[in-house]
Amino acid sequence: MSSYQMQQAIFDHLRRLEDPADTRRPDDVAVTGYELTAEERAALRAGDVAAFYARGVHPVLINAYCRANGWKRADYRVLFPAGSDAVTGHPRWRGYGSRTDGRLGADGRFHLSGAVREA
């Protein structure tokens, strides 16, 4: 199966938790009505966050599920493979339009044409 059905089950579960009249526990995900394999059903019933990750569930949904269960990021981060949450590449905020890349001149203005020649 695709990870979509698991994600849909988790998403629907999180929406149910928003209803104050719902008495379901935060870790009790309903699995009926979804096209899931036996392994996916078992992972959802057990609240196996590592299995969620391994099956391609979006990290935002994993985070929301864990937060709904009262876990902090440090509590569930150890369940993922080492380095899986490492940021690769160059973050947008770093060095863009700053004096380090030469686009922000001494006049404090951003220059698209590249490095500013100081007079």
C-alpha atoms as a PDB file:
ATOM      1  CA  MET A   1       0.000   0.000   0.000  1.00  0.00           C
ATOM      2  CA  SER A   2       0.991   3.611  -0.246  1.00  0.00           C
ATOM      3  CA  SER A   3       1.811   5.742   2.747  1.00  0.00           C
ATOM      4  CA  TYR A   4      -1.213   7.873   1.860  1.00  0.00           C
ATOM      5  CA  GLN A   5      -3.665   5.627   3.719  1.00  0.00           C
ATOM      6  CA  MET A   6      -1.507   5.647   6.857  1.00  0.00           C
ATOM      7  CA  GLN A   7      -1.198   9.406   6.633  1.00  0.00           C
ATOM      8  CA  GLN A   8      -4.947   9.751   6.145  1.00  0.00           C
ATOM      9  CA  ALA A   9      -5.617   7.573   9.215  1.00  0.00           C
ATOM     10  CA  ILE A  10      -3.240   9.664  11.344  1.00  0.00           C
ATOM     11  CA  PHE A  11      -4.641  12.935   9.992  1.00  0.00           C
ATOM     12  CA  ASP A  12      -8.219  11.850  10.693  1.00  0.00           C
ATOM     13  CA  HIS A  13      -7.181  10.708  14.154  1.00  0.00           C
ATOM     14  CA  LEU A  14      -5.623  14.093  14.934  1.00  0.00           C
ATOM     15  CA  ARG A  15      -8.799  15.860  13.763  1.00  0.00           C
ATOM     16  CA  ARG A  16     -10.893  13.615  16.046  1.00  0.00           C
ATOM     17  CA  LEU A  17      -8.718  14.623  18.983  1.00  0.00           C
ATOM     18  CA  GLU A  18      -9.795  18.232  18.440  1.00  0.00           C
ATOM     19  CA  ASP A  19     -13.377  17.284  19.326  1.00  0.00           C
ATOM     20  CA  PRO A  20     -13.848  17.763  23.094  1.00  0.00           C
ATOM     21  CA  ALA A  21     -16.641  15.167  23.096  1.00  0.00           C
ATOM     22  CA  ASP A  22     -14.386  12.438  21.679  1.00  0.00           C
ATOM     23  CA  THR A  23     -13.238  10.028  24.387  1.00  0.00           C
ATOM     24  CA  ARG A  24     -10.567   8.225  22.364  1.00  0.00           C
ATOM     25  CA  ARG A  25      -7.048   8.180  23.814  1.00  0.00           C
ATOM     26  CA  PRO A  26      -4.389  10.129  21.889  1.00  0.00           C
ATOM     27  CA  ASP A  27      -2.579   6.903  20.947  1.00  0.00           C
ATOM     28  CA  ASP A  28      -5.712   4.994  19.838  1.00  0.00           C
ATOM     29  CA  VAL A  29      -5.758   5.384  16.045  1.00  0.00           C
ATOM     30  CA  ALA A  30      -8.782   3.941  14.237  1.00  0.00           C
ATOM     31  CA  VAL A  31      -7.752   1.597  11.417  1.00  0.00           C
ATOM     32  CA  THR A  32     -11.144   0.599  10.028  1.00  0.00           C
ATOM     33  CA  GLY A  33     -12.158   2.125   6.718  1.00  0.00           C
ATOM     34  CA  TYR A  34      -8.611   2.462   5.376  1.00  0.00           C
ATOM     35  CA  GLU A  35      -6.811   0.254   2.851  1.00  0.00           C
ATOM     36  CA  LEU A  36      -3.920  -0.865   5.055  1.00  0.00           C
ATOM     37  CA  THR A  37      -1.639  -3.867   5.123  1.00  0.00           C
ATOM     38  CA  ALA A  38      -1.400  -5.969   8.273  1.00  0.00           C
ATOM     39  CA  GLU A  39       1.935  -4.309   9.117  1.00  0.00           C
ATOM     40  CA  GLU A  40       0.482  -0.829   8.698  1.00  0.00           C
ATOM     41  CA  ARG A  41      -2.505  -1.702  10.893  1.00  0.00           C
ATOM     42  CA  ALA A  42      -0.175  -3.080  13.555  1.00  0.00           C
ATOM     43  CA  ALA A  43       2.013   0.041  13.436  1.00  0.00           C
ATOM     44  CA  LEU A  44      -0.996   2.341  13.795  1.00  0.00           C
ATOM     45  CA  ARG A  45      -2.507   0.311  16.634  1.00  0.00           C
ATOM     46  CA  ALA A  46       0.816   0.199  18.465  1.00  0.00           C
ATOM     47  CA  GLY A  47       1.648   3.851  17.820  1.00  0.00           C
ATOM     48  CA  ASP A  48       4.987   2.748  16.353  1.00  0.00           C
ATOM     49  CA  VAL A  49       6.449   6.086  15.319  1.00  0.00           C
ATOM     50  CA  ALA A  50       9.585   4.499  13.858  1.00  0.00           C
ATOM     51  CA  ALA A  51       7.367   2.381  11.586  1.00  0.00           C
ATOM     52  CA  PHE A  52       5.450   5.511  10.585  1.00  0.00           C
ATOM     53  CA  TYR A  53       8.728   7.088   9.506  1.00  0.00           C
ATOM     54  CA  ALA A  54       9.941   3.936   7.732  1.00  0.00           C
ATOM     55  CA  ARG A  55       6.701   3.725   5.756  1.00  0.00           C
ATOM     56  CA  GLY A  56       6.964   7.327   4.552  1.00  0.00           C
ATOM     57  CA  VAL A  57       4.524   9.177   6.802  1.00  0.00           C
ATOM     58  CA  HIS A  58       5.151  12.911   6.549  1.00  0.00           C
ATOM     59  CA  PRO A  59       7.274  14.280   9.422  1.00  0.00           C
ATOM     60  CA  VAL A  60       4.690  16.978  10.209  1.00  0.00           C
ATOM     61  CA  LEU A  61       2.079  14.291  10.879  1.00  0.00           C
ATOM     62  CA  ILE A  62       4.554  12.305  12.975  1.00  0.00           C
ATOM     63  CA  ASN A  63       5.343  15.426  14.967  1.00  0.00           C
ATOM     64  CA  ALA A  64       1.656  16.214  15.509  1.00  0.00           C
ATOM     65  CA  TYR A  65       0.929  12.629  16.577  1.00  0.00           C
ATOM     66  CA  CYS A  66       3.813  12.648  19.053  1.00  0.00           C
ATOM     67  CA  ARG A  67       2.870  16.053  20.453  1.00  0.00           C
ATOM     68  CA  ALA A  68      -0.729  14.875  20.906  1.00  0.00           C
ATOM     69  CA  ASN A  69       0.653  12.027  23.004  1.00  0.00           C
ATOM     70  CA  GLY A  70       2.698  14.432  25.133  1.00  0.00           C
ATOM     71  CA  TRP A  71       6.090  13.551  23.681  1.00  0.00           C
ATOM     72  CA  LYS A  72       8.799  16.123  23.212  1.00  0.00           C
ATOM     73  CA  ARG A  73      10.961  16.034  20.108  1.00  0.00           C
ATOM     74  CA  ALA A  74      13.867  14.593  22.075  1.00  0.00           C
ATOM     75  CA  ASP A  75      11.624  11.696  23.154  1.00  0.00           C
ATOM     76  CA  TYR A  76      10.871  10.452  19.650  1.00  0.00           C
ATOM     77  CA  ARG A  77      13.875  11.734  17.706  1.00  0.00           C
ATOM     78  CA  VAL A  78      15.922   8.757  18.881  1.00  0.00           C
ATOM     79  CA  LEU A  79      13.510   6.411  17.063  1.00  0.00           C
ATOM     80  CA  PHE A  80      14.675   7.587  13.640  1.00  0.00           C
ATOM     81  CA  PRO A  81      17.857   6.516  11.837  1.00  0.00           C
ATOM     82  CA  ALA A  82      20.923   8.574  12.716  1.00  0.00           C
ATOM     83  CA  GLY A  83      21.192  11.710  10.612  1.00  0.00           C
ATOM     84  CA  SER A  84      17.718  11.382   9.106  1.00  0.00           C
ATOM     85  CA  ASP A  85      16.699  14.775  10.431  1.00  0.00           C
ATOM     86  CA  ALA A  86      19.948  16.476   9.517  1.00  0.00           C
ATOM     87  CA  VAL A  87      19.513  19.582   7.396  1.00  0.00           C
ATOM     88  CA  THR A  88      21.351  19.308   4.124  1.00  0.00           C
ATOM     89  CA  GLY A  89      22.124  22.127   1.795  1.00  0.00           C
ATOM     90  CA  HIS A  90      22.248  25.817   2.576  1.00  0.00           C
ATOM     91  CA  PRO A  91      19.376  27.205   4.677  1.00  0.00           C
ATOM     92  CA  ARG A  92      17.456  30.080   3.081  1.00  0.00           C
ATOM     93  CA  TRP A  93      18.168  32.485   5.909  1.00  0.00           C
ATOM     94  CA  ARG A  94      21.897  31.918   5.978  1.00  0.00           C
ATOM     95  CA  GLY A  95      24.084  34.252   3.986  1.00  0.00           C
ATOM     96  CA  TYR A  96      21.356  35.416   1.622  1.00  0.00           C
ATOM     97  CA  GLY A  97      21.314  39.150   1.286  1.00  0.00           C
ATOM     98  CA  SER A  98      23.952  39.626   3.908  1.00  0.00           C
ATOM     99  CA  ARG A  99      27.383  41.144   3.849  1.00  0.00           C
ATOM    100  CA  THR A 100      28.824  37.610   3.742  1.00  0.00           C
ATOM    101  CA  ASP A 101      27.653  37.019   0.177  1.00  0.00           C
ATOM    102  CA  GLY A 102      28.426  40.561  -0.957  1.00  0.00           C
ATOM    103  CA  ARG A 103      24.867  41.552  -1.866  1.00  0.00           C
ATOM    104  CA  LEU A 104      24.165  43.839   1.056  1.00  0.00           C
ATOM    105  CA  GLY A 105      26.289  46.901   0.656  1.00  0.00           C
ATOM    106  CA  ALA A 106      27.635  49.281   3.257  1.00  0.00           C
ATOM    107  CA  ASP A 107      24.670  51.490   2.414  1.00  0.00           C
ATOM    108  CA  GLY A 108      22.422  48.775   3.917  1.00  0.00           C
ATOM    109  CA  ARG A 109      20.680  48.067   0.625  1.00  0.00           C
ATOM    110  CA  PHE A 110      20.275  44.734  -1.092  1.00  0.00           C
ATOM    111  CA  HIS A 111      21.903  44.583  -4.526  1.00  0.00           C
ATOM    112  CA  LEU A 112      20.747  41.859  -6.937  1.00  0.00           C
ATOM    113  CA  SER A 113      23.586  42.465  -9.371  1.00  0.00           C
ATOM    114  CA  GLY A 114      26.063  40.799  -7.051  1.00  0.00           C
ATOM    115  CA  ALA A 115      28.917  42.165  -5.067  1.00  0.00           C
ATOM    116  CA  VAL A 116      28.819  45.861  -4.346  1.00  0.00           C
ATOM    117  CA  ARG A 117      31.936  47.834  -5.065  1.00  0.00           C
ATOM    118  CA  GLU A 118      32.784  50.051  -2.153  1.00  0.00           C
ATOM    119  CA  ALA A 119      33.802  53.570  -3.200  1.00  0.00           C
END
